[in-house]
N, C-alpha and C. Protein backbone atom coordinates (compact mmCIF):
# COMPACT_ATOMS: atom_id res chain seq x y z
N MET A 1 8.05 -21.63 -9.28
CA MET A 1 8.48 -20.27 -9.88
C MET A 1 8.40 -19.73 -8.47
N ALA A 2 9.76 -18.84 -8.07
CA ALA A 2 9.81 -18.20 -6.67
C ALA A 2 9.74 -16.74 -6.75
N LEU A 3 8.99 -15.82 -6.38
CA LEU A 3 8.67 -14.38 -6.21
C LEU A 3 10.13 -13.94 -6.63
N SER A 4 10.53 -12.98 -7.21
CA SER A 4 11.47 -12.51 -7.85
C SER A 4 12.13 -11.62 -6.63
N ASP A 5 13.31 -10.58 -6.94
CA ASP A 5 14.04 -10.02 -5.85
C ASP A 5 13.21 -8.66 -6.10
N ALA A 6 12.51 -8.37 -7.15
CA ALA A 6 11.75 -7.07 -7.64
C ALA A 6 10.31 -7.54 -6.74
N GLN A 7 9.63 -8.17 -6.68
CA GLN A 7 8.56 -8.69 -5.92
C GLN A 7 8.68 -8.58 -4.70
N LYS A 8 9.75 -9.40 -4.17
CA LYS A 8 9.91 -9.30 -2.67
C LYS A 8 10.20 -7.90 -1.98
N ALA A 9 10.69 -7.02 -3.06
CA ALA A 9 11.17 -5.67 -2.66
C ALA A 9 9.56 -4.62 -2.52
N GLN A 10 8.89 -5.14 -3.90
CA GLN A 10 7.73 -4.30 -3.63
C GLN A 10 6.63 -4.80 -2.11
N ILE A 11 6.79 -6.15 -2.11
CA ILE A 11 6.12 -7.10 -0.66
C ILE A 11 6.26 -5.96 0.54
N ARG A 12 7.76 -5.68 0.69
CA ARG A 12 8.41 -5.44 1.98
C ARG A 12 7.92 -3.66 2.00
N ARG A 13 7.91 -3.17 0.95
CA ARG A 13 7.40 -1.99 0.41
C ARG A 13 6.21 -1.89 1.01
N HIS A 14 5.29 -2.20 0.39
CA HIS A 14 3.56 -2.24 0.83
C HIS A 14 3.22 -2.62 2.40
N LEU A 15 4.43 -3.55 2.73
CA LEU A 15 3.68 -3.87 4.10
C LEU A 15 4.52 -3.30 5.16
N GLY A 16 5.62 -2.42 4.61
CA GLY A 16 6.18 -1.26 5.56
C GLY A 16 7.46 -2.21 6.08
N TYR A 17 7.69 -2.88 5.65
CA TYR A 17 9.08 -3.50 6.17
C TYR A 17 10.47 -2.79 5.57
N PRO A 18 11.71 -2.77 6.13
CA PRO A 18 12.79 -2.03 5.33
C PRO A 18 13.27 -2.99 4.66
N ASP A 19 13.83 -2.47 3.34
CA ASP A 19 14.56 -3.78 2.56
C ASP A 19 16.09 -3.68 2.96
N VAL A 20 16.41 -3.12 4.08
CA VAL A 20 17.61 -3.06 4.55
C VAL A 20 17.96 -4.06 5.83
N ASN A 21 18.70 -4.58 6.32
CA ASN A 21 18.51 -5.69 7.59
C ASN A 21 17.32 -6.59 7.34
N ARG A 22 17.14 -7.25 6.18
CA ARG A 22 16.13 -8.11 5.74
C ARG A 22 16.09 -9.37 7.00
N GLU A 23 17.50 -9.98 7.54
CA GLU A 23 17.58 -10.94 8.36
C GLU A 23 16.91 -10.55 9.74
N ALA A 24 16.54 -9.22 10.02
CA ALA A 24 15.98 -8.71 11.41
C ALA A 24 14.30 -9.41 11.13
N HIS A 25 13.82 -9.52 10.01
CA HIS A 25 12.47 -9.56 9.86
C HIS A 25 12.57 -11.02 9.27
N HIS A 26 13.08 -12.34 9.84
CA HIS A 26 13.08 -13.27 9.09
C HIS A 26 11.73 -14.34 8.94
N ASP A 27 10.94 -13.65 9.42
CA ASP A 27 9.29 -14.19 9.46
C ASP A 27 8.56 -13.79 8.16
N LEU A 28 8.86 -12.44 7.46
CA LEU A 28 8.37 -12.06 6.37
C LEU A 28 9.35 -12.45 5.23
N GLU A 29 10.49 -12.80 5.15
CA GLU A 29 11.72 -13.38 4.64
C GLU A 29 11.42 -14.83 4.18
N GLY A 30 11.09 -15.74 5.43
CA GLY A 30 10.82 -16.84 5.21
C GLY A 30 9.43 -17.36 4.84
N ALA A 31 8.40 -16.40 5.12
CA ALA A 31 7.30 -16.41 4.33
C ALA A 31 7.27 -16.28 2.96
N MET A 32 7.77 -15.26 2.67
CA MET A 32 7.75 -15.06 0.89
C MET A 32 8.60 -16.18 0.18
N ASP A 33 9.75 -16.78 0.92
CA ASP A 33 10.07 -17.99 0.35
C ASP A 33 9.41 -19.34 0.50
N ALA A 34 8.61 -19.37 1.31
CA ALA A 34 7.39 -20.66 1.55
C ALA A 34 6.20 -20.58 0.71
N LEU A 35 5.94 -19.69 0.01
CA LEU A 35 4.82 -19.41 -0.84
C LEU A 35 4.67 -20.73 -1.37
N SER A 36 3.43 -21.37 -1.41
CA SER A 36 3.17 -22.50 -2.73
C SER A 36 3.17 -21.85 -3.83
N PRO A 37 3.48 -22.13 -4.91
CA PRO A 37 2.96 -21.50 -6.61
C PRO A 37 1.72 -20.74 -6.57
N GLU A 38 0.44 -21.49 -5.74
CA GLU A 38 -0.96 -20.62 -5.89
C GLU A 38 -0.64 -19.70 -5.13
N GLY A 39 -0.13 -19.35 -3.99
CA GLY A 39 0.22 -18.44 -3.14
C GLY A 39 0.92 -17.29 -3.71
N GLU A 40 1.93 -17.59 -4.22
CA GLU A 40 2.68 -16.24 -5.08
C GLU A 40 1.70 -15.89 -6.41
N ASP A 41 1.14 -16.51 -6.93
CA ASP A 41 0.41 -16.21 -7.67
C ASP A 41 -0.89 -15.21 -7.14
N ILE A 42 -1.14 -15.61 -6.27
CA ILE A 42 -1.80 -14.12 -5.11
C ILE A 42 -1.48 -13.50 -4.96
N ALA A 43 -0.13 -13.38 -4.31
CA ALA A 43 0.77 -12.32 -4.19
C ALA A 43 1.07 -11.13 -5.67
N ILE A 44 1.43 -11.87 -6.47
CA ILE A 44 1.50 -11.09 -7.61
C ILE A 44 0.56 -10.45 -8.09
N GLU A 45 -0.58 -11.03 -7.79
CA GLU A 45 -2.27 -10.50 -8.41
C GLU A 45 -2.36 -9.26 -7.56
N ILE A 46 -1.97 -9.35 -6.09
CA ILE A 46 -2.45 -8.19 -5.23
C ILE A 46 -1.23 -7.05 -5.35
N LEU A 47 -0.38 -7.48 -5.87
CA LEU A 47 0.95 -6.20 -5.95
C LEU A 47 0.91 -5.72 -7.24
N GLY A 48 -0.27 -6.47 -8.41
CA GLY A 48 -0.55 -5.73 -9.62
C GLY A 48 -1.62 -4.70 -9.12
N GLN A 49 -2.50 -4.93 -8.39
CA GLN A 49 -3.84 -4.26 -7.81
C GLN A 49 -3.23 -3.04 -7.10
N LEU A 50 -2.37 -3.63 -6.00
CA LEU A 50 -1.63 -1.98 -5.38
C LEU A 50 -0.85 -1.06 -6.16
N ASP A 51 -0.39 -1.56 -7.44
CA ASP A 51 0.68 -0.80 -8.29
C ASP A 51 -0.65 0.11 -9.02
N THR A 52 -1.98 -0.55 -9.27
CA THR A 52 -3.06 0.20 -10.22
C THR A 52 -3.41 0.99 -9.36
N LEU A 53 -3.75 0.53 -7.90
CA LEU A 53 -4.20 1.55 -6.79
C LEU A 53 -3.32 3.24 -6.83
N GLN A 54 -1.91 2.65 -6.80
CA GLN A 54 -1.01 3.64 -6.54
C GLN A 54 -0.77 4.82 -7.77
N THR A 55 -1.57 4.17 -8.60
CA THR A 55 -1.46 5.20 -9.97
C THR A 55 -2.40 5.92 -10.31
N THR A 56 -3.84 5.21 -9.71
CA THR A 56 -5.04 5.96 -9.74
C THR A 56 -5.11 6.67 -8.76
N HIS A 57 -4.48 6.37 -7.26
CA HIS A 57 -4.21 7.84 -6.25
C HIS A 57 -3.56 8.68 -6.71
N SER A 58 -2.62 8.76 -7.42
CA SER A 58 -2.01 10.11 -7.57
C SER A 58 -2.27 10.56 -8.27
N THR A 59 -3.09 10.20 -9.63
CA THR A 59 -3.86 10.68 -10.79
C THR A 59 -4.96 11.35 -9.83
N THR A 60 -5.56 11.06 -8.95
CA THR A 60 -6.85 11.50 -8.57
C THR A 60 -6.24 12.45 -7.54
N TRP A 61 -5.45 12.28 -6.50
CA TRP A 61 -4.72 13.26 -6.08
C TRP A 61 -4.27 14.41 -6.81
N SER A 62 -3.76 14.38 -7.77
CA SER A 62 -3.38 15.72 -8.42
C SER A 62 -4.55 16.32 -9.01
N ARG A 63 -5.58 15.66 -9.08
CA ARG A 63 -7.30 16.48 -9.64
C ARG A 63 -8.03 17.05 -8.63
N ALA A 64 -7.47 16.54 -7.44
CA ALA A 64 -8.49 17.38 -6.22
C ALA A 64 -8.96 18.46 -6.32
N GLY A 65 -10.14 18.83 -6.38
CA GLY A 65 -10.26 20.36 -6.57
C GLY A 65 -10.53 21.24 -5.53
N VAL A 66 -10.80 22.62 -5.57
CA VAL A 66 -10.90 23.74 -4.52
C VAL A 66 -12.35 23.47 -4.05
N GLU A 67 -12.19 23.21 -3.16
CA GLU A 67 -14.12 23.16 -2.54
C GLU A 67 -14.33 24.21 -2.03
N ARG A 68 -13.74 25.18 -1.86
CA ARG A 68 -14.18 26.37 -1.02
C ARG A 68 -13.20 27.68 -1.80
N VAL A 69 -13.74 28.56 -2.24
CA VAL A 69 -12.61 29.67 -2.72
C VAL A 69 -12.48 30.56 -1.23
N GLU A 70 -13.08 31.28 -0.90
CA GLU A 70 -13.03 31.97 0.32
C GLU A 70 -12.37 31.35 1.17
N ASP A 71 -11.27 31.83 1.71
CA ASP A 71 -10.41 31.30 3.04
C ASP A 71 -10.02 29.63 2.10
N VAL A 72 -9.32 29.76 1.04
CA VAL A 72 -8.96 28.52 0.39
C VAL A 72 -8.66 27.62 1.01
N TRP A 73 -9.03 26.30 1.12
CA TRP A 73 -8.73 25.26 1.55
C TRP A 73 -8.80 23.82 0.48
N PHE A 74 -8.29 23.24 0.45
CA PHE A 74 -8.31 21.75 -0.46
C PHE A 74 -8.92 20.85 0.19
N SER A 75 -9.70 20.16 -0.70
CA SER A 75 -10.54 18.88 0.08
C SER A 75 -10.16 17.71 -0.73
N PRO A 76 -9.29 16.62 -0.49
CA PRO A 76 -9.74 15.58 -1.26
C PRO A 76 -10.91 14.83 -1.88
N SER A 77 -11.01 14.52 -3.07
CA SER A 77 -12.29 14.07 -3.43
C SER A 77 -12.77 12.51 -2.50
N ASP A 78 -14.07 12.18 -2.43
CA ASP A 78 -14.03 10.72 -1.69
C ASP A 78 -13.50 9.94 -2.45
N THR A 79 -13.18 10.00 -3.67
CA THR A 79 -12.55 8.61 -4.10
C THR A 79 -11.26 8.68 -3.71
N VAL A 80 -10.28 9.45 -3.22
CA VAL A 80 -9.18 9.51 -2.61
C VAL A 80 -9.21 8.35 -1.18
N GLY A 81 -10.52 8.71 -0.72
CA GLY A 81 -11.14 8.21 0.88
C GLY A 81 -10.84 6.75 0.30
N MET A 82 -12.06 6.32 -0.84
CA MET A 82 -12.27 5.03 -1.16
C MET A 82 -10.89 4.23 -1.44
N LEU A 83 -9.87 5.14 -2.21
CA LEU A 83 -8.86 4.02 -2.68
C LEU A 83 -7.73 4.03 -1.66
N GLY A 84 -7.87 4.74 -0.57
CA GLY A 84 -6.93 4.49 0.82
C GLY A 84 -7.44 3.40 1.37
N SER A 85 -8.91 3.26 1.29
CA SER A 85 -9.53 1.96 1.88
C SER A 85 -9.45 0.81 1.16
N GLU A 86 -9.53 0.88 0.02
CA GLU A 86 -9.07 -0.42 -0.79
C GLU A 86 -7.58 -0.62 -0.50
N ARG A 87 -6.37 0.25 -0.85
CA ARG A 87 -5.46 -0.26 -0.17
C ARG A 87 -5.01 -0.96 0.91
N SER A 88 -5.62 -0.31 1.96
CA SER A 88 -5.73 -1.21 3.42
C SER A 88 -6.09 -2.60 3.03
N ARG A 89 -7.40 -2.88 2.67
CA ARG A 89 -7.65 -4.26 2.47
C ARG A 89 -6.73 -5.10 1.58
N LEU A 90 -6.24 -4.25 0.81
CA LEU A 90 -5.18 -5.49 -0.43
C LEU A 90 -3.93 -5.48 0.97
N VAL A 91 -3.32 -4.52 1.42
CA VAL A 91 -2.38 -4.91 2.18
C VAL A 91 -2.60 -5.63 3.17
N ASN A 92 -3.59 -5.65 3.96
CA ASN A 92 -4.01 -6.73 4.83
C ASN A 92 -3.98 -7.73 4.45
N ASP A 93 -4.47 -8.33 2.97
CA ASP A 93 -4.92 -9.42 2.79
C ASP A 93 -3.64 -9.90 1.88
N LEU A 94 -2.41 -9.17 1.72
CA LEU A 94 -1.20 -9.30 1.54
C LEU A 94 -0.33 -9.93 2.82
N ALA A 95 -0.81 -9.50 4.05
CA ALA A 95 -0.17 -9.59 5.13
C ALA A 95 -0.74 -10.80 5.49
N ASN A 96 -2.14 -11.23 5.42
CA ASN A 96 -2.56 -12.28 5.80
C ASN A 96 -1.93 -13.56 5.13
N LEU A 97 -1.78 -13.40 4.01
CA LEU A 97 -1.18 -14.44 3.18
C LEU A 97 0.22 -14.89 3.48
N LEU A 98 0.93 -14.01 4.25
CA LEU A 98 2.32 -14.45 4.67
C LEU A 98 2.51 -14.24 6.00
N GLY A 99 1.08 -14.30 6.50
CA GLY A 99 1.17 -14.39 8.28
C GLY A 99 1.98 -13.55 9.01
N VAL A 100 2.33 -12.35 8.55
CA VAL A 100 2.57 -11.02 8.97
C VAL A 100 1.36 -9.97 9.39
N LYS A 101 2.15 -8.89 9.77
CA LYS A 101 1.79 -7.61 9.96
C LYS A 101 2.06 -6.55 9.45
N PRO A 102 1.22 -5.66 8.67
CA PRO A 102 1.87 -4.39 7.91
C PRO A 102 2.31 -3.69 9.25
N ILE A 103 3.58 -2.68 8.99
CA ILE A 103 3.98 -1.95 10.09
C ILE A 103 4.11 -0.52 9.54
N ASN A 104 4.59 0.26 10.36
CA ASN A 104 4.49 1.70 10.38
C ASN A 104 3.24 2.50 9.19
N GLY A 105 2.21 2.16 10.02
CA GLY A 105 1.01 2.34 8.77
C GLY A 105 0.88 2.09 7.52
N ALA A 106 1.52 1.16 7.14
CA ALA A 106 1.43 0.84 5.65
C ALA A 106 0.36 0.34 4.99
N ALA A 107 -0.81 0.60 5.89
CA ALA A 107 -1.78 -0.08 5.57
C ALA A 107 -2.91 1.10 4.87
N GLY A 108 -2.53 2.40 4.58
CA GLY A 108 -3.42 3.47 4.04
C GLY A 108 -2.33 4.73 3.30
N PHE A 109 -3.08 5.26 2.70
CA PHE A 109 -2.50 6.15 1.76
C PHE A 109 -2.72 7.58 2.70
N ASN A 110 -1.49 8.38 2.80
CA ASN A 110 -1.67 9.88 3.72
C ASN A 110 -2.54 10.68 2.88
N SER A 111 -3.24 10.82 3.50
CA SER A 111 -4.47 11.71 2.79
C SER A 111 -3.95 13.32 2.33
N GLY A 112 -2.89 13.79 3.17
CA GLY A 112 -2.43 14.81 3.02
C GLY A 112 -2.98 16.28 3.18
N VAL A 113 -4.29 16.49 3.77
CA VAL A 113 -5.30 17.26 4.13
C VAL A 113 -4.43 18.38 5.14
N ALA A 114 -4.72 19.66 4.78
CA ALA A 114 -4.25 20.42 5.57
C ALA A 114 -5.21 21.77 5.72
N ARG A 115 -5.28 21.98 7.47
CA ARG A 115 -6.89 22.73 7.32
C ARG A 115 -6.13 23.84 8.13
N ARG A 116 -7.00 25.00 7.96
CA ARG A 116 -6.73 26.22 8.68
C ARG A 116 -6.18 26.35 10.31
N GLY A 117 -5.47 26.90 10.60
CA GLY A 117 -5.31 26.51 12.21
C GLY A 117 -4.34 25.38 12.37
N ALA A 118 -4.30 24.33 11.46
CA ALA A 118 -4.30 23.12 12.03
C ALA A 118 -2.66 23.21 12.46
């Protein structure tokens, strides 16, 4: 069973590769087509974990509380940082499986922290 086009698009997204001009990234495209059935199972499992992390990250970020009332500023909970670290680990695991490198900062979530005077 080969990876579906949707799964390949998810891999590109998580690794930071564009979905257009795919021929320019023949290393990734060839690697996705050359995966063994066992490798495909691992890639699909990692994609599922990344989707779960994305959902958890969105939920956690929306619940990040006000840490300080005077001169109000928001601080993401430690959970957001841990989710970003886990996402980086999974993205790197997926990249290693395919023998490519993530590009464009694909390995982590943007923390979105805004500080006064920044």
